[in-house]
Amino acid sequence: MQGGKESTACSRAGRALVPAPEWRGDRDSRLPRAERGGREKYKQKENYSVEVDQAHYLDIMEEIPLTKERRKDEDADATPEEVHEYRSLVGCLRWLADGTRPDLSVQSSMLASLITILKVKDIIWCNKVLREANKRKDTKLVFKGTKKLDSVEVQGFGDAAFQNLPNGRTQGGTMVVLATYENQCVPILWKSRKVVRVVKSTLAREVITAGKTMDFAMSIRDMWYELRWNIRPLRSGTWDDRIQEVPLGIWCDANSVITYVNSLTRLPEERRLVADFLVLTEALETGDLAWLRHCKDPENIADGLTKVKLESQRKLAKFMSESEHPVPTESWQDW
């Protein structure tokens, strides 16, 4: 079982889904803002839903100062002082993105990759991202409580933007959620990172991202099972048999991926790509993966983790604040 961010996120979801009347108030609310730093603020409502935000952290973040003349020379190299300020601001944006603001994930990831070749235009973009973050300052994570814990599914959304990075690289995005048939969808883990290898087609980008999404979702599924039934994998011989009681599914907006995975005779010509498809096929056959389904582009919440379009970011921020399943429940609950 992995630790780090996945462990923290799953722990938060467990507290949110299981009603806990005695757990109320803002964590660290008695501390000065400077001492709280970038820590999340938790609020539990009367209906046991939990809200998490880092709005106070944005209050202490400032833009990198640039004179009017300096902004005109966009292709100029950044000075050592500007690089230092840039590193600091990008680090703050990454902290926000990993904590409570996935709508900043793709921009902060791309900004971090520019540090070694930093130009004035990159600093201007970084300042713009901070301004946009402040415009959506009220964005928060909302964990809605439920008593129907047996109906919880672990679901993953994957997406990739084809060669939208320098040197022909591709940005991939993953969102793992806990979903219920009450149309609730609790965000647990999100990633926006460069795909590890250069891909030659849109099919390659989608299947690689689907495989990564499955890996992250399996990790969250194991953690949720341990939290739910208090069974540890190293101490129970029934772990492998009982873990499948928690369904795990992957949503993909590329029909071609689902076609190849479900086909025993039709496979792509690229050998490396064949291996990626066979991993998904084997997971479906063994039951580690319960289903692989198609969703429409507007329903894929991982879209905002790969594209810098303002519309995609706003849609992702809205999803995090509402915690409602993006795919209509009637289209998947009876499958």
Protein backbone atom coordinates (compact mmCIF):
# COMPACT_ATOMS: atom_id res chain seq x y z
CA MET A 1 0.00 0.00 0.00
CA GLN A 2 1.34 3.39 -0.95
CA GLY A 3 1.66 6.30 1.44
CA GLY A 4 1.91 10.02 0.87
CA LYS A 5 -0.84 11.98 -0.77
CA GLU A 6 -2.99 8.94 -1.62
CA SER A 7 -3.08 7.92 2.06
CA THR A 8 -3.98 11.44 3.20
CA ALA A 9 -6.71 11.83 0.59
CA CYS A 10 -8.32 8.49 1.39
CA SER A 11 -8.26 9.27 5.10
CA ARG A 12 -10.10 12.53 4.45
CA ALA A 13 -12.71 10.73 2.37
CA GLY A 14 -13.22 8.10 5.05
CA ARG A 15 -13.93 10.75 7.65
CA ALA A 16 -16.31 12.49 5.28
CA LEU A 17 -18.32 9.43 4.25
CA VAL A 18 -18.66 8.02 7.76
CA PRO A 19 -20.74 10.38 9.94
CA ALA A 20 -18.82 11.66 12.96
CA PRO A 21 -20.92 14.11 15.03
CA GLU A 22 -18.07 14.81 17.44
CA TRP A 23 -15.73 16.04 14.68
CA ARG A 24 -16.59 19.69 14.11
CA GLY A 25 -15.04 23.09 13.56
CA ASP A 26 -12.03 24.41 11.66
CA ARG A 27 -8.77 22.60 12.18
CA ASP A 28 -6.08 24.95 13.57
CA SER A 29 -8.63 27.79 13.69
CA ARG A 30 -7.06 29.04 16.93
CA LEU A 31 -3.66 29.53 15.28
CA PRO A 32 -2.59 32.78 13.54
CA ARG A 33 -2.77 32.63 9.75
CA ALA A 34 1.01 32.79 9.42
CA GLU A 35 1.36 29.67 11.57
CA ARG A 36 -1.37 27.78 9.72
CA GLY A 37 0.45 28.41 6.43
CA GLY A 38 -0.92 26.31 3.62
CA ARG A 39 -2.81 23.81 5.77
CA GLU A 40 -6.35 22.92 4.77
CA LYS A 41 -9.31 24.24 6.73
CA TYR A 42 -12.01 21.67 7.51
CA LYS A 43 -15.65 22.49 8.19
CA GLN A 44 -18.33 19.93 8.99
CA LYS A 45 -21.95 20.86 8.33
CA GLU A 46 -25.13 19.78 10.07
CA ASN A 47 -25.71 17.07 7.46
CA TYR A 48 -22.20 15.70 8.17
CA SER A 49 -20.81 16.86 4.84
CA VAL A 50 -17.26 18.18 5.05
CA GLU A 51 -15.84 21.21 3.25
CA VAL A 52 -12.11 21.68 2.77
CA ASP A 53 -10.44 24.79 1.38
CA GLN A 54 -7.17 26.73 1.36
CA ALA A 55 -8.57 30.17 0.58
CA HIS A 56 -6.51 31.70 3.39
CA TYR A 57 -3.33 30.49 1.67
CA LEU A 58 -4.09 32.58 -1.43
CA ASP A 59 -4.20 35.69 0.75
CA ILE A 60 -0.47 35.51 1.41
CA MET A 61 0.59 34.80 -2.20
CA GLU A 62 1.79 37.71 -4.32
CA GLU A 63 2.51 38.18 -8.01
CA ILE A 64 6.08 38.47 -9.28
CA PRO A 65 6.75 42.20 -9.80
CA LEU A 66 7.46 43.25 -13.41
CA THR A 67 7.77 46.77 -14.71
CA LYS A 68 5.81 47.89 -17.77
CA GLU A 69 8.99 48.00 -19.84
CA ARG A 70 10.00 44.54 -18.66
CA ARG A 71 6.66 43.03 -19.65
CA LYS A 72 7.09 44.31 -23.20
CA ASP A 73 10.24 42.23 -23.68
CA GLU A 74 8.49 38.86 -23.44
CA ASP A 75 11.28 36.79 -25.03
CA ALA A 76 13.99 38.07 -22.70
CA ASP A 77 15.65 35.61 -20.32
CA ALA A 78 14.67 35.85 -16.68
CA THR A 79 17.14 37.27 -14.19
CA PRO A 80 18.38 35.14 -11.23
CA GLU A 81 16.13 37.15 -8.91
CA GLU A 82 13.11 36.53 -11.14
CA VAL A 83 13.91 32.82 -11.33
CA HIS A 84 14.01 32.71 -7.52
CA GLU A 85 10.62 34.44 -7.24
CA TYR A 86 9.22 32.20 -9.97
CA ARG A 87 10.30 29.02 -8.20
CA SER A 88 8.67 30.22 -5.01
CA LEU A 89 5.34 31.12 -6.63
CA VAL A 90 5.17 27.92 -8.70
CA GLY A 91 5.88 25.91 -5.56
CA CYS A 92 2.95 27.62 -3.82
CA LEU A 93 0.67 26.93 -6.78
CA ARG A 94 1.74 23.26 -6.80
CA TRP A 95 0.94 23.03 -3.08
CA LEU A 96 -2.54 24.41 -3.70
CA ALA A 97 -3.08 22.12 -6.69
CA ASP A 98 -2.08 19.00 -4.76
CA GLY A 99 -4.11 19.97 -1.69
CA THR A 100 -7.52 21.34 -2.69
CA ARG A 101 -7.29 22.96 -6.13
CA PRO A 102 -7.00 20.41 -8.95
CA ASP A 103 -8.13 23.14 -11.35
CA LEU A 104 -4.58 24.53 -10.98
CA SER A 105 -2.84 21.21 -11.57
CA VAL A 106 -2.17 21.38 -15.30
CA GLN A 107 -0.98 25.01 -15.29
CA SER A 108 1.30 24.52 -12.28
CA SER A 109 2.74 21.35 -13.85
CA MET A 110 3.50 23.13 -17.10
CA LEU A 111 4.92 26.17 -15.30
CA ALA A 112 7.27 23.95 -13.30
CA SER A 113 8.70 22.47 -16.50
CA LEU A 114 9.78 25.94 -17.71
CA ILE A 115 12.15 26.83 -14.89
CA THR A 116 15.33 25.87 -16.77
CA ILE A 117 14.40 27.95 -19.84
CA LEU A 118 12.49 30.73 -18.09
CA LYS A 119 11.42 33.75 -20.13
CA VAL A 120 9.55 36.92 -19.17
CA LYS A 121 6.44 35.62 -20.94
CA ASP A 122 6.45 32.60 -18.60
CA ILE A 123 6.49 34.91 -15.56
CA ILE A 124 3.55 36.83 -17.03
CA TRP A 125 1.67 33.55 -17.46
CA CYS A 126 2.46 32.52 -13.88
CA ASN A 127 1.04 35.81 -12.57
CA LYS A 128 -2.07 35.28 -14.70
CA VAL A 129 -2.60 31.81 -13.21
CA LEU A 130 -2.45 33.32 -9.71
CA ARG A 131 -5.05 35.94 -10.66
CA GLU A 132 -7.36 33.25 -12.05
CA ALA A 133 -6.91 31.24 -8.86
CA ASN A 134 -8.04 34.23 -6.83
CA LYS A 135 -11.10 34.68 -9.05
CA ARG A 136 -12.14 31.13 -8.08
CA LYS A 137 -11.04 31.60 -4.49
CA ASP A 138 -14.30 30.16 -3.13
CA THR A 139 -13.53 26.76 -4.71
CA LYS A 140 -13.60 24.03 -2.08
CA LEU A 141 -13.66 20.27 -1.80
CA VAL A 142 -17.02 18.96 -0.62
CA PHE A 143 -17.30 15.48 0.87
CA LYS A 144 -20.93 14.45 1.27
CA GLY A 145 -21.69 11.87 3.93
CA THR A 146 -23.59 8.65 3.25
CA LYS A 147 -24.74 5.70 5.33
CA LYS A 148 -24.83 3.35 2.33
CA LEU A 149 -21.16 2.44 2.46
CA ASP A 150 -21.75 -0.92 0.77
CA SER A 151 -22.74 0.90 -2.43
CA VAL A 152 -19.44 2.77 -2.74
CA GLU A 153 -17.44 2.20 -5.93
CA VAL A 154 -13.92 3.34 -6.76
CA GLN A 155 -13.94 4.99 -10.17
CA GLY A 156 -11.17 6.56 -12.22
CA PHE A 157 -11.29 9.14 -15.00
CA GLY A 158 -8.34 9.43 -17.40
CA ASP A 159 -7.53 11.85 -20.18
CA ALA A 160 -4.53 13.03 -22.20
CA ALA A 161 -3.87 15.96 -24.53
CA PHE A 162 -1.89 14.88 -27.59
CA GLN A 163 1.58 16.50 -27.88
CA ASN A 164 0.61 19.75 -26.16
CA LEU A 165 4.01 20.10 -24.45
CA PRO A 166 7.45 21.10 -25.78
CA ASN A 167 9.45 18.42 -27.65
CA GLY A 168 6.27 16.59 -28.64
CA ARG A 169 5.45 15.40 -25.12
CA THR A 170 1.93 14.75 -23.88
CA GLN A 171 0.17 15.89 -20.69
CA GLY A 172 -1.84 13.18 -18.93
CA GLY A 173 -4.46 13.58 -16.23
CA THR A 174 -6.08 11.21 -13.72
CA MET A 175 -8.95 11.68 -11.26
CA VAL A 176 -9.94 8.94 -8.80
CA VAL A 177 -13.26 9.25 -6.95
CA LEU A 178 -15.49 7.32 -4.57
CA ALA A 179 -18.93 7.14 -6.19
CA THR A 180 -22.31 6.06 -4.85
CA TYR A 181 -25.67 5.41 -6.49
CA GLU A 182 -26.96 8.55 -4.75
CA ASN A 183 -25.24 10.52 -7.53
CA GLN A 184 -22.46 11.49 -5.13
CA CYS A 185 -18.88 11.55 -6.25
CA VAL A 186 -16.12 12.24 -3.72
CA PRO A 187 -12.76 13.29 -5.22
CA ILE A 188 -9.89 11.36 -3.68
CA LEU A 189 -6.82 11.70 -5.86
CA TRP A 190 -5.84 13.72 -8.92
CA LYS A 191 -2.69 13.88 -11.00
CA SER A 192 -1.60 16.05 -13.91
CA ARG A 193 1.80 15.02 -15.23
CA LYS A 194 3.78 14.55 -18.39
CA VAL A 195 3.29 11.13 -20.00
CA VAL A 196 6.50 9.17 -19.44
CA ARG A 197 7.17 8.48 -23.11
CA VAL A 198 6.63 10.19 -26.45
CA VAL A 199 3.50 8.83 -28.12
CA LYS A 200 2.81 8.63 -31.83
CA SER A 201 -0.99 8.62 -31.81
CA THR A 202 -4.05 9.63 -29.83
CA LEU A 203 -4.76 5.93 -29.24
CA ALA A 204 -1.40 5.52 -27.50
CA ARG A 205 -1.94 8.51 -25.22
CA GLU A 206 -5.38 7.26 -24.14
CA VAL A 207 -4.39 3.66 -23.35
CA ILE A 208 -1.30 4.74 -21.40
CA THR A 209 -3.41 7.15 -19.35
CA ALA A 210 -6.07 4.49 -18.78
CA GLY A 211 -3.42 2.12 -17.42
CA LYS A 212 -2.02 4.77 -15.08
CA THR A 213 -5.53 5.62 -13.91
CA MET A 214 -6.17 1.95 -13.11
CA ASP A 215 -2.95 1.75 -11.06
CA PHE A 216 -3.89 4.78 -8.96
CA ALA A 217 -7.49 3.57 -8.57
CA MET A 218 -6.32 0.14 -7.35
CA SER A 219 -4.20 1.81 -4.69
CA ILE A 220 -7.17 3.86 -3.48
CA ARG A 221 -9.44 0.79 -3.60
CA ASP A 222 -7.05 -1.13 -1.31
CA MET A 223 -6.90 1.77 1.15
CA TRP A 224 -10.67 2.19 1.18
CA TYR A 225 -11.16 -1.51 1.83
CA GLU A 226 -8.77 -1.37 4.76
CA LEU A 227 -10.52 1.70 6.20
CA ARG A 228 -13.98 0.22 5.68
CA TRP A 229 -13.42 -3.29 7.07
CA ASN A 230 -10.19 -2.81 9.06
CA ILE A 231 -8.47 -5.68 7.26
CA ARG A 232 -4.79 -5.27 6.53
CA PRO A 233 -3.37 -6.91 3.38
CA LEU A 234 -0.30 -8.37 5.10
CA ARG A 235 -2.25 -9.92 7.97
CA SER A 236 -5.21 -11.48 6.20
CA GLY A 237 -5.14 -14.39 3.80
CA THR A 238 -8.60 -13.45 2.51
CA TRP A 239 -7.46 -10.06 1.20
CA ASP A 240 -7.23 -11.05 -2.46
CA ASP A 241 -10.65 -12.71 -2.36
CA ARG A 242 -12.53 -10.01 -0.48
CA ILE A 243 -10.97 -6.94 -2.10
CA GLN A 244 -13.19 -7.46 -5.15
CA GLU A 245 -16.19 -6.65 -2.98
CA VAL A 246 -15.32 -3.00 -3.74
CA PRO A 247 -16.01 -2.52 -7.47
CA LEU A 248 -13.37 -0.63 -9.43
CA GLY A 249 -14.13 0.93 -12.79
CA ILE A 250 -12.47 3.23 -15.30
CA TRP A 251 -14.13 5.86 -17.47
CA CYS A 252 -12.55 6.64 -20.86
CA ASP A 253 -13.69 9.09 -23.54
CA ALA A 254 -11.99 7.13 -26.36
CA ASN A 255 -14.17 4.38 -27.84
CA SER A 256 -11.17 2.92 -29.66
CA VAL A 257 -9.51 1.97 -26.37
CA ILE A 258 -12.58 0.03 -25.23
CA THR A 259 -12.82 -1.70 -28.62
CA TYR A 260 -9.23 -2.94 -28.53
CA VAL A 261 -9.41 -4.03 -24.88
CA ASN A 262 -12.52 -6.11 -25.53
CA SER A 263 -11.11 -7.69 -28.69
CA LEU A 264 -9.01 -10.87 -28.61
CA THR A 265 -7.96 -10.70 -32.27
CA ARG A 266 -7.77 -7.01 -33.13
CA LEU A 267 -4.69 -5.34 -31.63
CA PRO A 268 -2.54 -2.38 -32.72
CA GLU A 269 0.68 -3.00 -34.64
CA GLU A 270 2.98 -1.23 -32.17
CA ARG A 271 4.36 -3.85 -29.75
CA ARG A 272 4.68 -1.51 -26.78
CA LEU A 273 1.07 -0.50 -27.25
CA VAL A 274 -0.07 -4.14 -27.34
CA ALA A 275 1.41 -4.66 -23.87
CA ASP A 276 -0.51 -1.64 -22.53
CA PHE A 277 -3.78 -3.06 -23.88
CA LEU A 278 -3.10 -6.55 -22.53
CA VAL A 279 -2.61 -5.15 -19.02
CA LEU A 280 -6.15 -3.73 -19.10
CA THR A 281 -7.55 -6.91 -20.68
CA GLU A 282 -5.98 -9.10 -18.00
CA ALA A 283 -7.31 -6.86 -15.22
CA LEU A 284 -10.84 -7.25 -16.60
CA GLU A 285 -10.47 -11.03 -16.90
CA THR A 286 -9.16 -11.47 -13.33
CA GLY A 287 -11.74 -9.15 -11.81
CA ASP A 288 -9.23 -6.59 -10.54
CA LEU A 289 -11.01 -4.17 -12.87
CA ALA A 290 -14.79 -4.55 -12.79
CA TRP A 291 -15.53 -2.49 -15.89
CA LEU A 292 -14.13 -0.12 -18.51
CA ARG A 293 -16.80 2.21 -19.89
CA HIS A 294 -17.10 5.09 -22.30
CA CYS A 295 -18.09 8.58 -21.22
CA LYS A 296 -18.70 11.67 -23.32
CA ASP A 297 -16.08 14.41 -23.48
CA PRO A 298 -18.11 16.89 -21.33
CA GLU A 299 -18.53 14.17 -18.67
CA ASN A 300 -14.82 13.42 -18.36
CA ILE A 301 -13.68 15.45 -15.36
CA ALA A 302 -10.04 14.59 -16.09
CA ASP A 303 -10.26 16.90 -19.10
CA GLY A 304 -9.47 19.85 -16.82
CA LEU A 305 -6.26 18.12 -15.73
CA THR A 306 -4.75 18.13 -19.23
CA LYS A 307 -5.98 21.31 -20.91
CA VAL A 308 -5.44 24.94 -19.93
CA LYS A 309 -8.72 26.14 -21.41
CA LEU A 310 -10.53 28.37 -18.92
CA GLU A 311 -13.81 26.53 -19.55
CA SER A 312 -12.24 23.20 -18.56
CA GLN A 313 -10.81 24.69 -15.36
CA ARG A 314 -14.12 26.21 -14.33
CA LYS A 315 -15.94 22.95 -14.98
CA LEU A 316 -13.45 21.08 -12.81
CA ALA A 317 -13.70 23.66 -10.01
CA LYS A 318 -17.50 23.39 -10.12
CA PHE A 319 -17.32 19.60 -9.87
CA MET A 320 -15.06 19.76 -6.81
CA SER A 321 -17.47 22.13 -5.04
CA GLU A 322 -20.62 20.15 -5.84
CA SER A 323 -19.39 16.54 -5.63
CA GLU A 324 -22.05 15.31 -8.04
CA HIS A 325 -21.24 12.51 -10.46
CA PRO A 326 -20.53 13.96 -13.94
CA VAL A 327 -22.01 10.92 -15.69
CA PRO A 328 -25.82 10.65 -15.29
CA THR A 329 -26.49 7.93 -12.74
CA GLU A 330 -29.10 6.15 -14.85
CA SER A 331 -26.47 5.51 -17.52
CA TRP A 332 -24.22 3.38 -15.31
CA GLN A 333 -25.90 2.22 -12.11
CA ASP A 334 -27.62 -0.76 -13.74
CA TRP A 335 -24.63 -2.01 -15.75
